[in-house]
Amino acid sequence: EIRQNDKLAAVGQLAAGIAHEIRNPLASISGSVQLILDDAKDQS
């Protein structure tokens, strides 16, 4: 049971790392979209 819990904890840490790595590019994309939206008058 302890070995299984250790495996689950490792999977949780891996999943948290992956989620963090997804969040970083999303922040860049979001910032870029916000900048473009601020200049919305130039857009159709």
PDB file of all heavy atoms in Angstrom:
ATOM      1  N   GLU A   1       0.832  -1.205   0.000  1.00  0.00           N
ATOM      2  CA  GLU A   1       0.000   0.000   0.000  1.00  0.00           C
ATOM      3  C   GLU A   1       0.871   1.262   0.000  1.00  0.00           C
ATOM      4  O   GLU A   1       0.582   2.227  -0.712  1.00  0.00           O
ATOM      5  CB  GLU A   1      -0.924  -0.025   1.220  1.00  0.00           C
ATOM      6  CG  GLU A   1      -1.999   1.020   1.187  1.00  0.00           C
ATOM      7  CD  GLU A   1      -2.964   0.861   2.357  1.00  0.00           C
ATOM      8  OE1 GLU A   1      -3.504  -0.248   2.549  1.00  0.00           O
ATOM      9  OE2 GLU A   1      -3.163   1.857   3.078  1.00  0.00           O
ATOM     10  N   ILE A   2       1.937   1.243   0.768  1.00  0.00           N
ATOM     11  CA  ILE A   2       2.861   2.386   0.813  1.00  0.00           C
ATOM     12  C   ILE A   2       3.528   2.575  -0.548  1.00  0.00           C
ATOM     13  O   ILE A   2       3.636   3.702  -1.039  1.00  0.00           O
ATOM     14  CB  ILE A   2       3.922   2.201   1.928  1.00  0.00           C
ATOM     15  CG1 ILE A   2       3.264   2.382   3.304  1.00  0.00           C
ATOM     16  CG2 ILE A   2       5.089   3.166   1.755  1.00  0.00           C
ATOM     17  CD1 ILE A   2       4.141   1.982   4.463  1.00  0.00           C
ATOM     18  N   ARG A   3       3.968   1.469  -1.171  1.00  0.00           N
ATOM     19  CA  ARG A   3       4.576   1.574  -2.503  1.00  0.00           C
ATOM     20  C   ARG A   3       3.581   2.150  -3.505  1.00  0.00           C
ATOM     21  O   ARG A   3       3.925   3.000  -4.324  1.00  0.00           O
ATOM     22  CB  ARG A   3       5.065   0.205  -2.982  1.00  0.00           C
ATOM     23  CG  ARG A   3       6.462  -0.140  -2.520  1.00  0.00           C
ATOM     24  CD  ARG A   3       7.043  -1.323  -3.257  1.00  0.00           C
ATOM     25  NE  ARG A   3       6.334  -2.571  -3.018  1.00  0.00           N
ATOM     26  CZ  ARG A   3       6.493  -3.332  -1.957  1.00  0.00           C
ATOM     27  NH1 ARG A   3       7.346  -2.990  -1.026  1.00  0.00           N
ATOM     28  NH2 ARG A   3       5.814  -4.445  -1.822  1.00  0.00           N
ATOM     29  N   GLN A   4       2.315   1.705  -3.433  1.00  0.00           N
ATOM     30  CA  GLN A   4       1.283   2.215  -4.341  1.00  0.00           C
ATOM     31  C   GLN A   4       1.038   3.703  -4.095  1.00  0.00           C
ATOM     32  O   GLN A   4       0.904   4.480  -5.037  1.00  0.00           O
ATOM     33  CB  GLN A   4      -0.015   1.417  -4.162  1.00  0.00           C
ATOM     34  CG  GLN A   4      -1.101   1.767  -5.134  1.00  0.00           C
ATOM     35  CD  GLN A   4      -0.744   1.436  -6.576  1.00  0.00           C
ATOM     36  OE1 GLN A   4       0.056   0.563  -6.853  1.00  0.00           O
ATOM     37  NE2 GLN A   4      -1.333   2.156  -7.506  1.00  0.00           N
ATOM     38  N   ASN A   5       0.987   4.108  -2.831  1.00  0.00           N
ATOM     39  CA  ASN A   5       0.802   5.527  -2.509  1.00  0.00           C
ATOM     40  C   ASN A   5       1.974   6.368  -3.000  1.00  0.00           C
ATOM     41  O   ASN A   5       1.784   7.496  -3.467  1.00  0.00           O
ATOM     42  CB  ASN A   5       0.601   5.720  -1.000  1.00  0.00           C
ATOM     43  CG  ASN A   5      -0.760   5.255  -0.543  1.00  0.00           C
ATOM     44  OD1 ASN A   5      -1.685   5.110  -1.342  1.00  0.00           O
ATOM     45  ND2 ASN A   5      -0.895   4.991   0.739  1.00  0.00           N
ATOM     46  N   ASP A   6       3.190   5.831  -2.891  1.00  0.00           N
ATOM     47  CA  ASP A   6       4.365   6.543  -3.407  1.00  0.00           C
ATOM     48  C   ASP A   6       4.264   6.731  -4.917  1.00  0.00           C
ATOM     49  O   ASP A   6       4.598   7.801  -5.446  1.00  0.00           O
ATOM     50  CB  ASP A   6       5.657   5.797  -3.059  1.00  0.00           C
ATOM     51  CG  ASP A   6       6.014   5.889  -1.583  1.00  0.00           C
ATOM     52  OD1 ASP A   6       5.440   6.749  -0.882  1.00  0.00           O
ATOM     53  OD2 ASP A   6       6.864   5.092  -1.136  1.00  0.00           O
ATOM     54  N   LYS A   7       3.795   5.693  -5.614  1.00  0.00           N
ATOM     55  CA  LYS A   7       3.621   5.802  -7.068  1.00  0.00           C
ATOM     56  C   LYS A   7       2.576   6.860  -7.403  1.00  0.00           C
ATOM     57  O   LYS A   7       2.770   7.670  -8.312  1.00  0.00           O
ATOM     58  CB  LYS A   7       3.182   4.457  -7.659  1.00  0.00           C
ATOM     59  CG  LYS A   7       4.268   3.420  -7.710  1.00  0.00           C
ATOM     60  CD  LYS A   7       3.712   2.131  -8.294  1.00  0.00           C
ATOM     61  CE  LYS A   7       4.721   1.010  -8.243  1.00  0.00           C
ATOM     62  NZ  LYS A   7       4.148  -0.247  -8.768  1.00  0.00           N
ATOM     63  N   LEU A   8       1.472   6.864  -6.666  1.00  0.00           N
ATOM     64  CA  LEU A   8       0.431   7.861  -6.913  1.00  0.00           C
ATOM     65  C   LEU A   8       0.932   9.274  -6.638  1.00  0.00           C
ATOM     66  O   LEU A   8       0.597  10.210  -7.366  1.00  0.00           O
ATOM     67  CB  LEU A   8      -0.811   7.561  -6.072  1.00  0.00           C
ATOM     68  CG  LEU A   8      -1.615   6.327  -6.475  1.00  0.00           C
ATOM     69  CD1 LEU A   8      -2.717   6.052  -5.455  1.00  0.00           C
ATOM     70  CD2 LEU A   8      -2.198   6.480  -7.872  1.00  0.00           C
ATOM     71  N   ALA A   9       1.737   9.428  -5.592  1.00  0.00           N
ATOM     72  CA  ALA A   9       2.302  10.743  -5.287  1.00  0.00           C
ATOM     73  C   ALA A   9       3.230  11.198  -6.413  1.00  0.00           C
ATOM     74  O   ALA A   9       3.219  12.367  -6.806  1.00  0.00           O
ATOM     75  CB  ALA A   9       3.058  10.701  -3.955  1.00  0.00           C
ATOM     76  N   ALA A  10       4.018  10.268  -6.953  1.00  0.00           N
ATOM     77  CA  ALA A  10       4.919  10.617  -8.056  1.00  0.00           C
ATOM     78  C   ALA A  10       4.122  11.018  -9.293  1.00  0.00           C
ATOM     79  O   ALA A  10       4.478  11.972  -9.987  1.00  0.00           O
ATOM     80  CB  ALA A  10       5.845   9.443  -8.371  1.00  0.00           C
ATOM     81  N   VAL A  11       3.028  10.302  -9.553  1.00  0.00           N
ATOM     82  CA  VAL A  11       2.178  10.646 -10.698  1.00  0.00           C
ATOM     83  C   VAL A  11       1.564  12.028 -10.481  1.00  0.00           C
ATOM     84  O   VAL A  11       1.486  12.837 -11.414  1.00  0.00           O
ATOM     85  CB  VAL A  11       1.080   9.568 -10.910  1.00  0.00           C
ATOM     86  CG1 VAL A  11       0.010  10.047 -11.870  1.00  0.00           C
ATOM     87  CG2 VAL A  11       1.696   8.282 -11.408  1.00  0.00           C
ATOM     88  N   GLY A  12       1.154  12.322  -9.251  1.00  0.00           N
ATOM     89  CA  GLY A  12       0.604  13.639  -8.937  1.00  0.00           C
ATOM     90  C   GLY A  12       1.617  14.748  -9.159  1.00  0.00           C
ATOM     91  O   GLY A  12       1.292  15.802  -9.709  1.00  0.00           O
ATOM     92  N   GLN A  13       2.864  14.522  -8.751  1.00  0.00           N
ATOM     93  CA  GLN A  13       3.912  15.522  -8.958  1.00  0.00           C
ATOM     94  C   GLN A  13       4.191  15.713 -10.448  1.00  0.00           C
ATOM     95  O   GLN A  13       4.383  16.836 -10.908  1.00  0.00           O
ATOM     96  CB  GLN A  13       5.197  15.104  -8.242  1.00  0.00           C
ATOM     97  CG  GLN A  13       5.116  15.247  -6.737  1.00  0.00           C
ATOM     98  CD  GLN A  13       6.381  14.776  -6.049  1.00  0.00           C
ATOM     99  OE1 GLN A  13       7.160  14.011  -6.597  1.00  0.00           O
ATOM    100  NE2 GLN A  13       6.585  15.240  -4.822  1.00  0.00           N
ATOM    101  N   LEU A  14       4.208  14.619 -11.181  1.00  0.00           N
ATOM    102  CA  LEU A  14       4.423  14.706 -12.621  1.00  0.00           C
ATOM    103  C   LEU A  14       3.290  15.487 -13.282  1.00  0.00           C
ATOM    104  O   LEU A  14       3.526  16.369 -14.111  1.00  0.00           O
ATOM    105  CB  LEU A  14       4.523  13.300 -13.222  1.00  0.00           C
ATOM    106  CG  LEU A  14       4.709  13.213 -14.730  1.00  0.00           C
ATOM    107  CD1 LEU A  14       6.040  13.839 -15.137  1.00  0.00           C
ATOM    108  CD2 LEU A  14       4.627  11.772 -15.187  1.00  0.00           C
ATOM    109  N   ALA A  15       2.057  15.175 -12.883  1.00  0.00           N
ATOM    110  CA  ALA A  15       0.900  15.875 -13.451  1.00  0.00           C
ATOM    111  C   ALA A  15       0.945  17.366 -13.119  1.00  0.00           C
ATOM    112  O   ALA A  15       0.631  18.208 -13.961  1.00  0.00           O
ATOM    113  CB  ALA A  15      -0.387  15.251 -12.927  1.00  0.00           C
ATOM    114  N   ALA A  16       1.352  17.692 -11.886  1.00  0.00           N
ATOM    115  CA  ALA A  16       1.451  19.108 -11.507  1.00  0.00           C
ATOM    116  C   ALA A  16       2.522  19.809 -12.339  1.00  0.00           C
ATOM    117  O   ALA A  16       2.333  20.954 -12.768  1.00  0.00           O
ATOM    118  CB  ALA A  16       1.775  19.227 -10.017  1.00  0.00           C
ATOM    119  N   GLY A  17       3.631  19.135 -12.599  1.00  0.00           N
ATOM    120  CA  GLY A  17       4.684  19.715 -13.434  1.00  0.00           C
ATOM    121  C   GLY A  17       4.211  19.947 -14.858  1.00  0.00           C
ATOM    122  O   GLY A  17       4.491  20.991 -15.460  1.00  0.00           O
ATOM    123  N   ILE A  18       3.474  18.989 -15.397  1.00  0.00           N
ATOM    124  CA  ILE A  18       2.944  19.131 -16.757  1.00  0.00           C
ATOM    125  C   ILE A  18       1.948  20.290 -16.809  1.00  0.00           C
ATOM    126  O   ILE A  18       1.980  21.107 -17.745  1.00  0.00           O
ATOM    127  CB  ILE A  18       2.301  17.809 -17.221  1.00  0.00           C
ATOM    128  CG1 ILE A  18       3.387  16.747 -17.446  1.00  0.00           C
ATOM    129  CG2 ILE A  18       1.486  18.013 -18.496  1.00  0.00           C
ATOM    130  CD1 ILE A  18       2.852  15.354 -17.670  1.00  0.00           C
ATOM    131  N   ALA A  19       1.074  20.365 -15.815  1.00  0.00           N
ATOM    132  CA  ALA A  19       0.093  21.460 -15.781  1.00  0.00           C
ATOM    133  C   ALA A  19       0.800  22.809 -15.723  1.00  0.00           C
ATOM    134  O   ALA A  19       0.389  23.764 -16.384  1.00  0.00           O
ATOM    135  CB  ALA A  19      -0.835  21.290 -14.583  1.00  0.00           C
ATOM    136  N   HIS A  20       1.864  22.882 -14.938  1.00  0.00           N
ATOM    137  CA  HIS A  20       2.624  24.135 -14.836  1.00  0.00           C
ATOM    138  C   HIS A  20       3.245  24.493 -16.188  1.00  0.00           C
ATOM    139  O   HIS A  20       3.236  25.663 -16.593  1.00  0.00           O
ATOM    140  CB  HIS A  20       3.708  23.990 -13.772  1.00  0.00           C
ATOM    141  CG  HIS A  20       4.522  25.217 -13.574  1.00  0.00           C
ATOM    142  ND1 HIS A  20       4.027  26.346 -12.966  1.00  0.00           N
ATOM    143  CD2 HIS A  20       5.810  25.500 -13.909  1.00  0.00           C
ATOM    144  CE1 HIS A  20       4.968  27.278 -12.935  1.00  0.00           C
ATOM    145  NE2 HIS A  20       6.056  26.782 -13.499  1.00  0.00           N
ATOM    146  N   GLU A  21       3.772  23.489 -16.878  1.00  0.00           N
ATOM    147  CA  GLU A  21       4.390  23.731 -18.189  1.00  0.00           C
ATOM    148  C   GLU A  21       3.355  24.129 -19.240  1.00  0.00           C
ATOM    149  O   GLU A  21       3.676  24.830 -20.185  1.00  0.00           O
ATOM    150  CB  GLU A  21       5.173  22.498 -18.653  1.00  0.00           C
ATOM    151  CG  GLU A  21       6.429  22.240 -17.848  1.00  0.00           C
ATOM    152  CD  GLU A  21       7.384  23.419 -17.831  1.00  0.00           C
ATOM    153  OE1 GLU A  21       7.596  24.040 -18.884  1.00  0.00           O
ATOM    154  OE2 GLU A  21       7.926  23.728 -16.748  1.00  0.00           O
ATOM    155  N   ILE A  22       2.126  23.705 -19.077  1.00  0.00           N
ATOM    156  CA  ILE A  22       1.052  24.131 -19.990  1.00  0.00           C
ATOM    157  C   ILE A  22       0.646  25.563 -19.676  1.00  0.00           C
ATOM    158  O   ILE A  22       0.378  26.363 -20.570  1.00  0.00           O
ATOM    159  CB  ILE A  22      -0.160  23.177 -19.892  1.00  0.00           C
ATOM    160  CG1 ILE A  22       0.206  21.806 -20.467  1.00  0.00           C
ATOM    161  CG2 ILE A  22      -1.382  23.751 -20.603  1.00  0.00           C
ATOM    162  CD1 ILE A  22      -0.829  20.730 -20.220  1.00  0.00           C
ATOM    163  N   ARG A  23       0.620  25.881 -18.394  1.00  0.00           N
ATOM    164  CA  ARG A  23       0.181  27.209 -17.973  1.00  0.00           C
ATOM    165  C   ARG A  23       1.114  28.319 -18.467  1.00  0.00           C
ATOM    166  O   ARG A  23       0.658  29.406 -18.826  1.00  0.00           O
ATOM    167  CB  ARG A  23       0.075  27.248 -16.446  1.00  0.00           C
ATOM    168  CG  ARG A  23      -0.387  28.596 -15.941  1.00  0.00           C
ATOM    169  CD  ARG A  23      -0.616  28.568 -14.474  1.00  0.00           C
ATOM    170  NE  ARG A  23      -2.017  28.246 -14.258  1.00  0.00           N
ATOM    171  CZ  ARG A  23      -2.548  27.992 -13.097  1.00  0.00           C
ATOM    172  NH1 ARG A  23      -1.803  27.986 -12.030  1.00  0.00           N
ATOM    173  NH2 ARG A  23      -3.826  27.742 -12.971  1.00  0.00           N
ATOM    174  N   ASN A  24       2.420  28.064 -18.510  1.00  0.00           N
ATOM    175  CA  ASN A  24       3.375  29.094 -18.952  1.00  0.00           C
ATOM    176  C   ASN A  24       3.112  29.578 -20.372  1.00  0.00           C
ATOM    177  O   ASN A  24       3.000  30.784 -20.602  1.00  0.00           O
ATOM    178  CB  ASN A  24       4.818  28.592 -18.801  1.00  0.00           C
ATOM    179  CG  ASN A  24       5.259  28.566 -17.354  1.00  0.00           C
ATOM    180  OD1 ASN A  24       4.678  29.243 -16.501  1.00  0.00           O
ATOM    181  ND2 ASN A  24       6.269  27.778 -17.064  1.00  0.00           N
ATOM    182  N   PRO A  25       2.996  28.683 -21.368  1.00  0.00           N
ATOM    183  CA  PRO A  25       2.697  29.186 -22.715  1.00  0.00           C
ATOM    184  C   PRO A  25       1.309  29.830 -22.805  1.00  0.00           C
ATOM    185  O   PRO A  25       1.124  30.788 -23.567  1.00  0.00           O
ATOM    186  CB  PRO A  25       2.761  27.943 -23.608  1.00  0.00           C
ATOM    187  CG  PRO A  25       3.343  26.859 -22.800  1.00  0.00           C
ATOM    188  CD  PRO A  25       3.303  27.262 -21.377  1.00  0.00           C
ATOM    189  N   LEU A  26       0.369  29.335 -22.025  1.00  0.00           N
ATOM    190  CA  LEU A  26      -0.963  29.954 -22.023  1.00  0.00           C
ATOM    191  C   LEU A  26      -0.884  31.405 -21.565  1.00  0.00           C
ATOM    192  O   LEU A  26      -1.596  32.264 -22.094  1.00  0.00           O
ATOM    193  CB  LEU A  26      -1.927  29.182 -21.117  1.00  0.00           C
ATOM    194  CG  LEU A  26      -2.610  27.961 -21.710  1.00  0.00           C
ATOM    195  CD1 LEU A  26      -3.507  27.298 -20.667  1.00  0.00           C
ATOM    196  CD2 LEU A  26      -3.409  28.307 -22.945  1.00  0.00           C
ATOM    197  N   ALA A  27      -0.037  31.667 -20.581  1.00  0.00           N
ATOM    198  CA  ALA A  27       0.114  33.038 -20.090  1.00  0.00           C
ATOM    199  C   ALA A  27       0.673  33.936 -21.195  1.00  0.00           C
ATOM    200  O   ALA A  27       0.210  35.080 -21.373  1.00  0.00           O
ATOM    201  CB  ALA A  27       1.024  33.070 -18.868  1.00  0.00           C
ATOM    202  N   SER A  28       1.629  33.432 -21.954  1.00  0.00           N
ATOM    203  CA  SER A  28       2.192  34.215 -23.066  1.00  0.00           C
ATOM    204  C   SER A  28       1.139  34.474 -24.137  1.00  0.00           C
ATOM    205  O   SER A  28       1.018  35.599 -24.648  1.00  0.00           O
ATOM    206  CB  SER A  28       3.372  33.470 -23.695  1.00  0.00           C
ATOM    207  OG  SER A  28       4.398  33.311 -22.768  1.00  0.00           O
ATOM    208  N   ILE A  29       0.394  33.432 -24.462  1.00  0.00           N
ATOM    209  CA  ILE A  29      -0.656  33.577 -25.478  1.00  0.00           C
ATOM    210  C   ILE A  29      -1.717  34.560 -25.002  1.00  0.00           C
ATOM    211  O   ILE A  29      -2.160  35.439 -25.757  1.00  0.00           O
ATOM    212  CB  ILE A  29      -1.278  32.207 -25.828  1.00  0.00           C
ATOM    213  CG1 ILE A  29      -0.239  31.305 -26.475  1.00  0.00           C
ATOM    214  CG2 ILE A  29      -2.496  32.366 -26.732  1.00  0.00           C
ATOM    215  CD1 ILE A  29      -0.669  29.855 -26.598  1.00  0.00           C
ATOM    216  N   SER A  30      -2.104  34.422 -23.742  1.00  0.00           N
ATOM    217  CA  SER A  30      -3.124  35.307 -23.182  1.00  0.00           C
ATOM    218  C   SER A  30      -2.656  36.762 -23.206  1.00  0.00           C
ATOM    219  O   SER A  30      -3.427  37.665 -23.566  1.00  0.00           O
ATOM    220  CB  SER A  30      -3.447  34.891 -21.746  1.00  0.00           C
ATOM    221  OG  SER A  30      -4.373  35.763 -21.171  1.00  0.00           O
ATOM    222  N   GLY A  31      -1.409  36.986 -22.830  1.00  0.00           N
ATOM    223  CA  GLY A  31      -0.861  38.351 -22.854  1.00  0.00           C
ATOM    224  C   GLY A  31      -0.869  38.933 -24.259  1.00  0.00           C
ATOM    225  O   GLY A  31      -1.225  40.104 -24.456  1.00  0.00           O
ATOM    226  N   SER A  32      -0.499  38.102 -25.228  1.00  0.00           N
ATOM    227  CA  SER A  32      -0.495  38.569 -26.623  1.00  0.00           C
ATOM    228  C   SER A  32      -1.906  38.897 -27.100  1.00  0.00           C
ATOM    229  O   SER A  32      -2.131  39.918 -27.755  1.00  0.00           O
ATOM    230  CB  SER A  32       0.112  37.497 -27.529  1.00  0.00           C
ATOM    231  OG  SER A  32       1.443  37.243 -27.168  1.00  0.00           O
ATOM    232  N   VAL A  33      -2.859  38.047 -26.760  1.00  0.00           N
ATOM    233  CA  VAL A  33      -4.251  38.289 -27.154  1.00  0.00           C
ATOM    234  C   VAL A  33      -4.769  39.566 -26.503  1.00  0.00           C
ATOM    235  O   VAL A  33      -5.456  40.374 -27.146  1.00  0.00           O
ATOM    236  CB  VAL A  33      -5.143  37.071 -26.808  1.00  0.00           C
ATOM    237  CG1 VAL A  33      -6.618  37.406 -26.938  1.00  0.00           C
ATOM    238  CG2 VAL A  33      -4.789  35.877 -27.676  1.00  0.00           C
ATOM    239  N   GLN A  34      -4.423  39.805 -25.245  1.00  0.00           N
ATOM    240  CA  GLN A  34      -4.857  41.016 -24.547  1.00  0.00           C
ATOM    241  C   GLN A  34      -4.292  42.276 -25.218  1.00  0.00           C
ATOM    242  O   GLN A  34      -4.999  43.273 -25.367  1.00  0.00           O
ATOM    243  CB  GLN A  34      -4.431  40.972 -23.076  1.00  0.00           C
ATOM    244  CG  GLN A  34      -5.204  39.999 -22.222  1.00  0.00           C
ATOM    245  CD  GLN A  34      -6.674  40.349 -22.148  1.00  0.00           C
ATOM    246  OE1 GLN A  34      -7.052  41.517 -22.058  1.00  0.00           O
ATOM    247  NE2 GLN A  34      -7.511  39.324 -22.200  1.00  0.00           N
ATOM    248  N   LEU A  35      -3.031  42.199 -25.612  1.00  0.00           N
ATOM    249  CA  LEU A  35      -2.425  43.349 -26.300  1.00  0.00           C
ATOM    250  C   LEU A  35      -3.131  43.626 -27.625  1.00  0.00           C
ATOM    251  O   LEU A  35      -3.401  44.781 -27.964  1.00  0.00           O
ATOM    252  CB  LEU A  35      -0.936  43.113 -26.539  1.00  0.00           C
ATOM    253  CG  LEU A  35      -0.030  43.219 -25.311  1.00  0.00           C
ATOM    254  CD1 LEU A  35       1.403  42.798 -25.661  1.00  0.00           C
ATOM    255  CD2 LEU A  35      -0.040  44.633 -24.755  1.00  0.00           C
ATOM    256  N   ILE A  36      -3.423  42.578 -28.348  1.00  0.00           N
ATOM    257  CA  ILE A  36      -4.110  42.751 -29.629  1.00  0.00           C
ATOM    258  C   ILE A  36      -5.523  43.284 -29.403  1.00  0.00           C
ATOM    259  O   ILE A  36      -6.007  44.149 -30.134  1.00  0.00           O
ATOM    260  CB  ILE A  36      -4.125  41.429 -30.428  1.00  0.00           C
ATOM    261  CG1 ILE A  36      -2.694  41.036 -30.809  1.00  0.00           C
ATOM    262  CG2 ILE A  36      -4.985  41.551 -31.680  1.00  0.00           C
ATOM    263  CD1 ILE A  36      -2.559  39.651 -31.399  1.00  0.00           C
ATOM    264  N   LEU A  37      -6.207  42.779 -28.357  1.00  0.00           N
ATOM    265  CA  LEU A  37      -7.563  43.254 -28.037  1.00  0.00           C
ATOM    266  C   LEU A  37      -7.550  44.726 -27.636  1.00  0.00           C
ATOM    267  O   LEU A  37      -8.512  45.455 -27.916  1.00  0.00           O
ATOM    268  CB  LEU A  37      -8.189  42.420 -26.923  1.00  0.00           C
ATOM    269  CG  LEU A  37      -8.903  41.138 -27.345  1.00  0.00           C
ATOM    270  CD1 LEU A  37      -9.328  40.328 -26.130  1.00  0.00           C
ATOM    271  CD2 LEU A  37     -10.102  41.436 -28.226  1.00  0.00           C
ATOM    272  N   ASP A  38      -6.483  45.166 -26.958  1.00  0.00           N
ATOM    273  CA  ASP A  38      -6.382  46.585 -26.582  1.00  0.00           C
ATOM    274  C   ASP A  38      -6.312  47.481 -27.813  1.00  0.00           C
ATOM    275  O   ASP A  38      -6.767  48.622 -27.794  1.00  0.00           O
ATOM    276  CB  ASP A  38      -5.153  46.818 -25.695  1.00  0.00           C
ATOM    277  CG  ASP A  38      -5.337  46.251 -24.292  1.00  0.00           C
ATOM    278  OD1 ASP A  38      -6.503  45.945 -23.919  1.00  0.00           O
ATOM    279  OD2 ASP A  38      -4.328  46.092 -23.579  1.00  0.00           O
ATOM    280  N   ASP A  39      -5.762  46.946 -28.868  1.00  0.00           N
ATOM    281  CA  ASP A  39      -5.705  47.682 -30.131  1.00  0.00           C
ATOM    282  C   ASP A  39      -6.839  47.221 -31.053  1.00  0.00           C
ATOM    283  O   ASP A  39      -6.680  47.136 -32.265  1.00  0.00           O
ATOM    284  CB  ASP A  39      -4.354  47.452 -30.836  1.00  0.00           C
ATOM    285  CG  ASP A  39      -3.192  48.031 -30.055  1.00  0.00           C
ATOM    286  OD1 ASP A  39      -3.415  48.994 -29.311  1.00  0.00           O
ATOM    287  OD2 ASP A  39      -2.069  47.505 -30.197  1.00  0.00           O
ATOM    288  N   ALA A  40      -7.995  46.925 -30.464  1.00  0.00           N
ATOM    289  CA  ALA A  40      -9.117  46.341 -31.202  1.00  0.00           C
ATOM    290  C   ALA A  40      -9.638  47.244 -32.306  1.00  0.00           C
ATOM    291  O   ALA A  40     -10.193  46.763 -33.285  1.00  0.00           O
ATOM    292  CB  ALA A  40     -10.249  45.985 -30.246  1.00  0.00           C
ATOM    293  N   LYS A  41      -9.421  48.540 -32.143  1.00  0.00           N
ATOM    294  CA  LYS A  41      -9.944  49.439 -33.178  1.00  0.00           C
ATOM    295  C   LYS A  41      -9.234  49.222 -34.512  1.00  0.00           C
ATOM    296  O   LYS A  41      -9.751  49.540 -35.562  1.00  0.00           O
ATOM    297  CB  LYS A  41      -9.855  50.883 -32.729  1.00  0.00           C
ATOM    298  CG  LYS A  41      -8.486  51.288 -32.223  1.00  0.00           C
ATOM    299  CD  LYS A  41      -8.545  52.688 -31.637  1.00  0.00           C
ATOM    300  CE  LYS A  41      -7.324  52.948 -30.802  1.00  0.00           C
ATOM    301  NZ  LYS A  41      -7.442  52.826 -29.415  1.00  0.00           N
ATOM    302  N   ASP A  42      -7.995  48.637 -34.429  1.00  0.00           N
ATOM    303  CA  ASP A  42      -7.261  48.352 -35.660  1.00  0.00           C
ATOM    304  C   ASP A  42      -7.708  47.035 -36.298  1.00  0.00           C
ATOM    305  O   ASP A  42      -7.262  46.701 -37.393  1.00  0.00           O
ATOM    306  CB  ASP A  42      -5.753  48.277 -35.380  1.00  0.00           C
ATOM    307  CG  ASP A  42      -5.209  49.598 -34.853  1.00  0.00           C
ATOM    308  OD1 ASP A  42      -5.850  50.641 -35.073  1.00  0.00           O
ATOM    309  OD2 ASP A  42      -4.134  49.567 -34.211  1.00  0.00           O
ATOM    310  N   GLN A  43      -8.552  46.285 -35.589  1.00  0.00           N
ATOM    311  CA  GLN A  43      -8.963  44.963 -36.059  1.00  0.00           C
ATOM    312  C   GLN A  43     -10.372  45.015 -36.644  1.00  0.00           C
ATOM    313  O   GLN A  43     -11.194  45.840 -36.249  1.00  0.00           O
ATOM    314  CB  GLN A  43      -8.946  43.961 -34.893  1.00  0.00           C
ATOM    315  CG  GLN A  43      -7.607  43.818 -34.206  1.00  0.00           C
ATOM    316  CD  GLN A  43      -6.579  43.136 -35.089  1.00  0.00           C
ATOM    317  OE1 GLN A  43      -6.918  42.279 -35.888  1.00  0.00           O
ATOM    318  NE2 GLN A  43      -5.338  43.578 -34.982  1.00  0.00           N
ATOM    319  N   SER A  44     -10.628  44.083 -37.550  1.00  0.00           N
ATOM    320  CA  SER A  44     -11.989  43.962 -38.072  1.00  0.00           C
ATOM    321  C   SER A  44     -12.875  43.367 -36.986  1.00  0.00           C
ATOM    322  O   SER A  44     -12.393  42.780 -36.008  1.00  0.00           O
ATOM    323  CB  SER A  44     -12.002  43.078 -39.318  1.00  0.00           C
ATOM    324  OG  SER A  44     -11.687  41.744 -38.953  1.00  0.00           O
TER     325      SER A  44
END
